[in-house]
Amino acid sequence: MTALLQRYSVGRRLGAAFVLLILLSGSLVAIGLNSMAGAKKQLDFIVLDRMAKIQMGNGMLDANSSIMIALGTYAMATSAELDNQALETIKTQRQRYKDLRAKLDTLPSSEEGRKIRAEMDALRAVSGKINDEVMTLAAADDNTPAQALLNQKARLANTAWQDKIRELVSRQEHQSQQAYAEAVQSMNRAKLLLLIGGVAVVTISGLLAWLITRSLTHPLARATKAAEAIANGQLDNQVQTDAQDETGRLLRAMSGMQTQLQALLSAQGDMAKRHNDGQISFRIDASAFPGDYGRMAQDTNTLVASHLAVQTTLARIMGRYAIGDLSESMDALPGEKAVLTQTMNEVKANLSAMNAEIKQLALSAANGDFSARGDADRFQYDFHIMVDSLNQLMATADGNLQSLSSLLQSIAAGDLTARMSGEF
């Protein structure tokens, strides 16, 4: 069987297997869809009808409870603010109940269901009438009669109304459980059919997979081993082959890729050696490589040229700074290279600041003002020492001049006994 499969290309082998699996899967899906249709119908009925009615019933129960709570507040409220809040709640919840009740009538119902709805409406009318009487008494500030009516009649009427709504909800829950049981039964039938069909598909698929895998495993194992070795950086693999099928073409393609990578690595190594030897103008011949291999070589050349350009610019500007020419600044570099621009700018700024301090001290000395001092705290390390040394020089000169001035003044006054002391 393996020899028969190897007569055909991998595409034909897989294509035939996929066609067979598609036919089997299509048959299985058709059986499953037919079996699941009944379950879907029951579930749709539960979700779109029963659950909707249950939600509406619970909403009406909640609205009714909110009305009774607000009515109790209104009957005993002692402030206008509480009265207004209670009235607003009653109004809002009554409208909510009315909307839910109207929405309930839009859904289909049996004769028994319509009977329960009619009884609900009748009990609501009774409860609503009593509630209105309570509100009338409360509005007239007759809170005691209002509370008595609320406790004696309104709560009883509301409880009867609530019980009827709960009966509606309970009926819908019971019918939902029945529909769910029917849906589960239908789904169990579908599950059995799908299980049988699935076992058949898995068995046939496994057999086909085993047969096709046997026809591909040996040649692909060699190709996989070569690919993993190349991915791990091993470019000395023996991937020559005489096979003419897809796996043979794959191995020959890997051999070509390995050859190109070896050539590219060799060219990069040659460039690195030449640059280490001082031949920094050397570049890889990108035209010797096809496609993206050539682009990789060109990108390497571009990267090297970019770094060399920055280094050359740095050396040139530092050379100008070394001879005292601070007129040129480093161009703004992007990304992480911006630290070079920042460093050069700091060098220029510090040298300029040192120059300014020296000029200021020299100008002061030229004008006879030896009391001037440079701001040594602006600088660090040797720059700080240089400015501090200039300050000491100015201080020494200032002190000597002061001593000389005093001596000359004494002699001018006729005191020839005056003397100067110290080292000059």
Protein backbone atom coordinates (compact mmCIF):
# COMPACT_ATOMS: atom_id res chain seq x y z
CA MET A 1 0.00 0.00 0.00
CA THR A 2 2.86 2.38 0.80
CA ALA A 3 4.49 1.71 -2.57
CA LEU A 4 1.19 2.47 -4.29
CA LEU A 5 0.81 5.80 -2.47
CA GLN A 6 4.40 6.82 -3.28
CA ARG A 7 3.57 6.67 -7.00
CA TYR A 8 1.59 9.86 -6.55
CA SER A 9 2.57 13.30 -5.37
CA VAL A 10 1.92 14.41 -1.82
CA GLY A 11 -0.78 16.78 -3.04
CA ARG A 12 -2.71 14.01 -4.76
CA ARG A 13 -2.40 11.73 -1.76
CA LEU A 14 -3.65 14.37 0.64
CA GLY A 15 -6.31 15.57 -1.79
CA ALA A 16 -7.85 12.12 -2.12
CA ALA A 17 -7.81 11.65 1.65
CA PHE A 18 -9.38 15.06 2.25
CA VAL A 19 -12.13 14.43 -0.30
CA LEU A 20 -13.03 11.19 1.42
CA LEU A 21 -12.99 12.83 4.84
CA ILE A 22 -15.09 15.73 3.57
CA LEU A 23 -17.71 13.33 2.24
CA LEU A 24 -17.79 11.43 5.53
CA SER A 25 -17.88 14.63 7.57
CA GLY A 26 -20.63 16.08 5.37
CA SER A 27 -22.75 12.99 5.92
CA LEU A 28 -22.10 13.20 9.65
CA VAL A 29 -23.02 16.89 9.73
CA ALA A 30 -26.23 16.24 7.81
CA ILE A 31 -27.25 13.55 10.29
CA GLY A 32 -26.35 15.79 13.21
CA LEU A 33 -28.21 18.81 11.84
CA ASN A 34 -31.33 16.76 11.23
CA SER A 35 -31.19 15.35 14.74
CA MET A 36 -30.40 18.70 16.34
CA ALA A 37 -33.25 20.53 14.60
CA GLY A 38 -35.79 19.26 17.12
CA ALA A 39 -33.59 20.19 20.06
CA LYS A 40 -33.04 23.66 18.64
CA LYS A 41 -36.77 24.17 18.25
CA GLN A 42 -37.35 23.31 21.90
CA LEU A 43 -34.46 25.48 23.10
CA ASP A 44 -35.65 28.41 21.01
CA PHE A 45 -39.09 28.02 22.55
CA ILE A 46 -37.58 28.04 26.04
CA VAL A 47 -35.40 31.09 25.42
CA LEU A 48 -37.70 33.19 23.25
CA ASP A 49 -41.02 32.41 24.95
CA ARG A 50 -40.77 30.80 28.38
CA MET A 51 -37.72 32.66 29.65
CA ALA A 52 -39.08 35.94 28.31
CA LYS A 53 -42.34 35.39 30.19
CA ILE A 54 -40.44 34.45 33.35
CA GLN A 55 -38.36 37.62 33.10
CA MET A 56 -41.48 39.73 32.58
CA GLY A 57 -43.20 38.05 35.54
CA ASN A 58 -40.21 38.64 37.80
CA GLY A 59 -40.08 42.23 36.58
CA MET A 60 -43.75 42.72 37.48
CA LEU A 61 -43.12 41.19 40.90
CA ASP A 62 -40.23 43.56 41.45
CA ALA A 63 -42.29 46.56 40.31
CA ASN A 64 -45.16 45.55 42.61
CA SER A 65 -42.80 45.15 45.59
CA SER A 66 -41.24 48.55 44.88
CA ILE A 67 -44.72 50.11 44.79
CA MET A 68 -45.61 48.68 48.20
CA ILE A 69 -42.33 49.84 49.73
CA ALA A 70 -42.80 53.34 48.32
CA LEU A 71 -46.45 53.34 49.44
CA GLY A 72 -45.39 52.49 52.99
CA THR A 73 -42.88 55.34 52.91
CA TYR A 74 -45.49 57.75 51.56
CA ALA A 75 -47.99 56.77 54.28
CA MET A 76 -45.55 57.55 57.09
CA ALA A 77 -43.30 60.19 55.52
CA THR A 78 -42.67 63.29 57.55
CA SER A 79 -41.03 65.45 54.89
CA ALA A 80 -41.94 66.74 51.46
CA GLU A 81 -38.73 65.31 50.01
CA LEU A 82 -39.62 61.75 51.08
CA ASP A 83 -43.17 62.24 49.81
CA ASN A 84 -41.91 63.34 46.40
CA GLN A 85 -39.45 60.46 46.19
CA ALA A 86 -42.14 57.93 47.11
CA LEU A 87 -44.62 59.37 44.59
CA GLU A 88 -41.98 59.31 41.85
CA THR A 89 -41.16 55.68 42.66
CA ILE A 90 -44.83 54.68 42.60
CA LYS A 91 -45.35 56.43 39.28
CA THR A 92 -42.25 54.91 37.71
CA GLN A 93 -42.94 51.36 38.90
CA ARG A 94 -46.60 51.50 37.86
CA GLN A 95 -45.51 52.50 34.37
CA ARG A 96 -42.91 49.75 34.41
CA TYR A 97 -45.55 47.18 35.38
CA LYS A 98 -47.87 48.48 32.70
CA ASP A 99 -45.16 48.19 30.02
CA LEU A 100 -44.24 44.66 31.08
CA ARG A 101 -47.89 43.61 31.15
CA ALA A 102 -48.45 44.99 27.66
CA LYS A 103 -45.32 43.24 26.41
CA LEU A 104 -46.57 39.98 27.94
CA ASP A 105 -49.71 40.18 25.79
CA THR A 106 -47.55 40.23 22.64
CA LEU A 107 -46.42 36.66 23.35
CA PRO A 108 -48.65 33.65 22.52
CA SER A 109 -50.54 31.97 25.35
CA SER A 110 -52.81 29.02 26.00
CA GLU A 111 -56.34 29.26 27.36
CA GLU A 112 -55.12 28.58 30.89
CA GLY A 113 -52.44 31.23 30.54
CA ARG A 114 -54.95 33.84 29.36
CA LYS A 115 -57.15 32.98 32.34
CA ILE A 116 -54.28 33.62 34.77
CA ARG A 117 -53.54 36.94 33.06
CA ALA A 118 -57.19 38.01 33.43
CA GLU A 119 -57.15 37.11 37.13
CA MET A 120 -53.91 39.07 37.53
CA ASP A 121 -55.51 42.14 35.97
CA ALA A 122 -58.56 41.86 38.22
CA LEU A 123 -56.44 41.60 41.37
CA ARG A 124 -54.32 44.50 40.17
CA ALA A 125 -57.42 46.66 39.78
CA VAL A 126 -58.52 45.85 43.34
CA SER A 127 -55.06 46.48 44.78
CA GLY A 128 -54.61 49.65 42.74
CA LYS A 129 -57.90 51.09 43.99
CA ILE A 130 -56.95 50.50 47.63
CA ASN A 131 -53.46 51.89 47.03
CA ASP A 132 -54.99 55.05 45.56
CA GLU A 133 -57.11 55.45 48.69
CA VAL A 134 -53.99 55.13 50.85
CA MET A 135 -52.23 57.76 48.72
CA THR A 136 -55.24 60.10 49.01
CA LEU A 137 -55.19 59.86 52.82
CA ALA A 138 -51.42 60.32 52.92
CA ALA A 139 -51.63 63.34 50.62
CA ALA A 140 -54.05 64.90 53.11
CA ASP A 141 -51.52 64.23 55.92
CA ASP A 142 -53.85 61.64 57.45
CA ASN A 143 -50.95 59.28 58.00
CA THR A 144 -52.56 57.21 60.77
CA PRO A 145 -55.66 56.24 58.70
CA ALA A 146 -53.42 55.77 55.68
CA GLN A 147 -51.18 53.35 57.55
CA ALA A 148 -54.16 51.49 58.95
CA LEU A 149 -55.66 51.07 55.47
CA LEU A 150 -52.27 50.02 54.15
CA ASN A 151 -51.84 47.31 56.79
CA GLN A 152 -55.44 46.07 56.87
CA LYS A 153 -56.37 46.03 53.19
CA ALA A 154 -53.66 47.22 50.83
CA ARG A 155 -51.05 44.64 51.85
CA LEU A 156 -53.59 41.79 51.67
CA ALA A 157 -54.73 42.86 48.21
CA ASN A 158 -51.15 43.28 47.06
CA THR A 159 -50.23 39.83 48.44
CA ALA A 160 -53.07 38.22 46.48
CA TRP A 161 -51.91 40.07 43.37
CA GLN A 162 -48.32 38.98 43.96
CA ASP A 163 -49.38 35.35 44.44
CA LYS A 164 -51.16 35.37 41.09
CA ILE A 165 -48.06 36.76 39.37
CA ARG A 166 -45.99 34.06 41.04
CA GLU A 167 -48.46 31.49 39.75
CA LEU A 168 -47.81 32.80 36.25
CA VAL A 169 -44.04 32.59 36.76
CA SER A 170 -44.28 29.11 38.31
CA ARG A 171 -46.35 27.87 35.36
CA GLN A 172 -43.77 29.18 32.89
CA GLU A 173 -40.95 27.56 34.86
CA HIS A 174 -42.78 24.23 34.83
CA GLN A 175 -43.38 24.45 31.09
CA SER A 176 -39.72 25.41 30.57
CA GLN A 177 -38.64 22.29 32.44
CA GLN A 178 -40.87 20.15 30.24
CA ALA A 179 -39.50 21.73 27.08
CA TYR A 180 -35.95 21.33 28.40
CA ALA A 181 -36.56 17.61 29.05
CA GLU A 182 -37.79 17.17 25.48
CA ALA A 183 -34.77 19.07 24.16
CA VAL A 184 -32.40 16.90 26.22
CA GLN A 185 -34.03 13.77 24.84
CA SER A 186 -33.61 15.05 21.29
CA MET A 187 -30.01 16.02 21.99
CA ASN A 188 -29.27 12.58 23.43
CA ARG A 189 -30.49 11.00 20.21
CA ALA A 190 -28.32 13.40 18.24
CA LYS A 191 -25.38 12.67 20.53
CA LEU A 192 -25.67 8.94 19.89
CA LEU A 193 -25.78 9.43 16.14
CA LEU A 194 -22.85 11.85 16.26
CA LEU A 195 -20.89 9.44 18.44
CA ILE A 196 -21.39 6.57 16.02
CA GLY A 197 -20.55 8.75 13.03
CA GLY A 198 -17.59 10.29 14.86
CA VAL A 199 -16.12 6.87 15.64
CA ALA A 200 -16.44 5.94 11.99
CA VAL A 201 -14.79 9.17 10.82
CA VAL A 202 -11.98 8.85 13.38
CA THR A 203 -11.33 5.25 12.40
CA ILE A 204 -11.18 6.01 8.69
CA SER A 205 -9.17 9.19 9.31
CA GLY A 206 -6.69 7.31 11.47
CA LEU A 207 -6.24 4.63 8.82
CA LEU A 208 -5.67 7.21 6.09
CA ALA A 209 -3.32 9.22 8.31
CA TRP A 210 -1.28 6.12 9.10
CA LEU A 211 -0.97 5.12 5.46
CA ILE A 212 -0.04 8.61 4.23
CA THR A 213 2.34 9.18 7.15
CA ARG A 214 4.19 5.96 6.34
CA SER A 215 4.67 7.17 2.78
CA LEU A 216 6.13 10.50 3.95
CA THR A 217 7.90 9.85 7.25
CA HIS A 218 11.27 8.61 6.02
CA PRO A 219 12.05 11.33 3.45
CA LEU A 220 10.60 14.10 5.62
CA ALA A 221 12.61 12.97 8.65
CA ARG A 222 15.80 13.76 6.77
CA ALA A 223 14.46 17.13 5.63
CA THR A 224 13.31 17.96 9.17
CA LYS A 225 16.69 17.08 10.62
CA ALA A 226 18.43 19.30 8.08
CA ALA A 227 16.00 22.18 8.72
CA GLU A 228 16.49 21.96 12.50
CA ALA A 229 20.26 21.91 12.05
CA ILE A 230 20.16 25.00 9.82
CA ALA A 231 17.82 26.73 12.29
CA ASN A 232 20.37 26.02 15.04
CA GLY A 233 23.18 27.53 12.99
CA GLN A 234 24.73 24.30 11.68
CA LEU A 235 25.46 24.91 8.00
CA ASP A 236 27.55 21.82 7.19
CA ASN A 237 24.67 19.37 6.67
CA GLN A 238 24.66 16.67 4.00
CA VAL A 239 21.39 17.39 2.17
CA GLN A 240 22.19 16.15 -1.34
CA THR A 241 19.51 13.90 -2.87
CA ASP A 242 18.46 12.37 -6.17
CA ALA A 243 14.74 12.23 -5.31
CA GLN A 244 12.36 14.01 -7.69
CA ASP A 245 9.24 14.34 -5.52
CA GLU A 246 8.34 17.19 -3.19
CA THR A 247 10.70 16.02 -0.46
CA GLY A 248 13.56 15.84 -2.96
CA ARG A 249 12.89 19.39 -4.10
CA LEU A 250 12.74 20.44 -0.46
CA LEU A 251 16.16 18.97 0.27
CA ARG A 252 17.69 20.62 -2.80
CA ALA A 253 16.18 23.94 -1.76
CA MET A 254 17.69 23.53 1.71
CA SER A 255 21.05 22.78 0.13
CA GLY A 256 20.85 26.01 -1.86
CA MET A 257 19.80 27.98 1.21
CA GLN A 258 22.66 26.50 3.20
CA THR A 259 25.13 27.43 0.46
CA GLN A 260 23.88 31.02 0.33
CA LEU A 261 24.04 31.37 4.11
CA GLN A 262 27.57 29.97 4.14
CA ALA A 263 28.61 32.47 1.47
CA LEU A 264 26.96 35.36 3.34
CA LEU A 265 28.59 34.40 6.64
CA SER A 266 31.94 34.07 4.91
CA ALA A 267 31.55 37.54 3.37
CA GLN A 268 30.61 39.03 6.76
CA GLY A 269 33.59 37.36 8.40
CA ASP A 270 35.90 38.66 5.66
CA MET A 271 34.57 42.20 6.15
CA ALA A 272 35.05 41.95 9.93
CA LYS A 273 38.66 40.81 9.46
CA ARG A 274 39.42 43.58 6.98
CA HIS A 275 37.92 46.22 9.29
CA ASN A 276 39.96 44.89 12.21
CA ASP A 277 43.03 45.22 9.99
CA GLY A 278 42.17 48.87 9.36
CA GLN A 279 40.54 48.53 5.93
CA ILE A 280 37.31 50.22 7.03
CA SER A 281 36.29 51.14 3.47
CA PHE A 282 35.72 47.48 2.57
CA ARG A 283 32.12 46.41 1.89
CA ILE A 284 30.36 43.14 1.02
CA ASP A 285 29.53 42.70 -2.67
CA ALA A 286 25.73 42.62 -2.30
CA SER A 287 25.24 41.94 -6.02
CA ALA A 288 26.80 38.50 -5.55
CA PHE A 289 23.77 37.35 -3.54
CA PRO A 290 20.25 36.80 -4.92
CA GLY A 291 17.01 38.25 -3.57
CA ASP A 292 16.78 38.97 0.13
CA TYR A 293 20.25 37.56 0.68
CA GLY A 294 21.53 40.53 -1.30
CA ARG A 295 19.33 42.82 0.77
CA MET A 296 20.79 41.32 3.96
CA ALA A 297 24.30 41.98 2.66
CA GLN A 298 23.35 45.53 1.66
CA ASP A 299 21.73 46.13 5.06
CA THR A 300 24.94 44.96 6.72
CA ASN A 301 26.94 47.39 4.57
CA THR A 302 24.51 50.18 5.42
CA LEU A 303 24.73 49.44 9.15
CA VAL A 304 28.53 49.42 9.10
CA ALA A 305 28.62 52.63 7.05
CA SER A 306 26.21 54.31 9.46
CA HIS A 307 28.33 53.48 12.51
CA LEU A 308 31.51 54.51 10.72
CA ALA A 309 29.93 57.81 9.67
CA VAL A 310 29.03 58.58 13.28
CA GLN A 311 32.50 57.62 14.51
CA THR A 312 34.16 59.70 11.78
CA THR A 313 32.02 62.72 12.64
CA LEU A 314 32.81 62.30 16.34
CA ALA A 315 36.54 62.11 15.64
CA ARG A 316 36.47 65.16 13.37
CA ILE A 317 34.52 67.33 15.83
CA MET A 318 36.63 66.19 18.78
CA GLY A 319 39.68 67.10 16.71
CA ARG A 320 38.31 70.62 16.25
CA TYR A 321 37.57 70.86 19.97
CA ALA A 322 41.11 69.68 20.73
CA ILE A 323 42.62 72.69 18.90
CA GLY A 324 40.16 75.12 20.49
CA ASP A 325 37.58 75.41 17.66
CA LEU A 326 34.20 75.19 19.41
CA SER A 327 32.17 76.57 16.50
CA GLU A 328 30.91 73.19 15.27
CA SER A 329 28.19 71.12 16.95
CA MET A 330 27.26 67.46 16.67
CA ASP A 331 24.20 66.74 14.52
CA ALA A 332 21.13 65.45 16.35
CA LEU A 333 21.13 61.65 16.15
CA PRO A 334 17.98 59.51 16.50
CA GLY A 335 17.10 56.86 19.06
CA GLU A 336 19.77 55.51 21.38
CA LYS A 337 22.48 57.27 19.34
CA ALA A 338 21.14 60.52 20.77
CA VAL A 339 23.40 59.90 23.79
CA LEU A 340 26.38 60.67 21.52
CA THR A 341 24.85 64.01 20.54
CA GLN A 342 24.11 64.77 24.19
CA THR A 343 27.65 63.86 25.26
CA MET A 344 29.25 66.03 22.57
CA ASN A 345 26.94 68.91 23.45
CA GLU A 346 27.94 68.57 27.10
CA VAL A 347 31.64 68.55 26.12
CA LYS A 348 31.15 71.68 24.05
CA ALA A 349 29.11 73.36 26.79
CA ASN A 350 31.73 72.60 29.45
CA LEU A 351 34.60 73.76 27.25
CA SER A 352 32.68 76.91 26.36
CA ALA A 353 31.93 77.53 30.03
CA MET A 354 35.61 77.03 30.93
CA ASN A 355 36.60 79.43 28.17
CA ALA A 356 34.11 82.01 29.46
CA GLU A 357 35.44 81.69 33.02
CA ILE A 358 39.06 82.10 31.86
CA LYS A 359 38.17 85.10 29.68
CA GLN A 360 36.31 86.71 32.58
CA LEU A 361 39.25 86.27 34.97
CA ALA A 362 41.74 87.47 32.34
CA LEU A 363 39.63 90.55 31.60
CA SER A 364 39.32 91.35 35.30
CA ALA A 365 43.08 90.98 35.78
CA ALA A 366 43.73 93.18 32.75
CA ASN A 367 41.49 95.83 34.30
CA GLY A 368 43.37 95.59 37.60
CA ASP A 369 40.55 93.80 39.42
CA PHE A 370 42.20 90.80 41.07
CA SER A 371 39.25 90.29 43.39
CA ALA A 372 37.23 88.53 40.65
CA ARG A 373 36.73 84.77 41.05
CA GLY A 374 35.51 82.01 38.76
CA ASP A 375 32.47 79.87 39.68
CA ALA A 376 34.27 76.57 40.34
CA ASP A 377 31.07 74.91 41.62
CA ARG A 378 29.69 74.91 38.06
CA PHE A 379 32.25 72.27 37.12
CA GLN A 380 33.29 68.80 38.20
CA TYR A 381 36.53 66.88 38.46
CA ASP A 382 39.53 68.46 36.62
CA PHE A 383 37.46 71.38 35.30
CA HIS A 384 36.63 72.23 38.90
CA ILE A 385 40.33 71.99 39.84
CA MET A 386 41.34 74.23 36.91
CA VAL A 387 38.89 77.01 37.87
CA ASP A 388 39.78 76.65 41.53
CA SER A 389 43.49 76.95 40.67
CA LEU A 390 42.82 80.12 38.69
CA ASN A 391 40.93 81.49 41.69
CA GLN A 392 43.92 80.72 43.92
CA LEU A 393 46.22 82.45 41.41
CA MET A 394 43.99 85.53 41.43
CA ALA A 395 43.87 85.48 45.23
CA THR A 396 47.69 85.22 45.47
CA ALA A 397 48.18 88.04 42.99
CA ASP A 398 45.61 90.16 44.80
CA GLY A 399 47.34 89.60 48.17
CA ASN A 400 50.79 90.41 46.80
CA LEU A 401 49.54 93.57 45.15
CA GLN A 402 47.88 94.63 48.39
CA SER A 403 51.18 94.12 50.29
CA LEU A 404 53.14 96.03 47.65
CA SER A 405 50.61 98.86 47.71
CA SER A 406 50.90 99.15 51.51
CA LEU A 407 54.71 99.22 51.28
CA LEU A 408 54.70 101.94 48.64
CA GLN A 409 52.22 104.01 50.65
CA SER A 410 54.49 103.77 53.74
CA ILE A 411 57.58 104.83 51.78
CA ALA A 412 55.61 107.68 50.22
CA ALA A 413 54.73 108.80 53.72
CA GLY A 414 58.44 108.85 54.68
CA ASP A 415 58.47 105.57 56.63
CA LEU A 416 61.60 103.88 55.31
CA THR A 417 61.43 101.16 57.96
CA ALA A 418 58.47 99.46 56.24
CA ARG A 419 59.17 95.94 54.99
CA MET A 420 57.37 93.23 52.94
CA SER A 421 57.28 89.65 54.16
CA GLY A 422 56.37 86.43 52.38
CA GLU A 423 57.44 84.57 49.23
CA PHE A 424 57.17 86.41 45.90
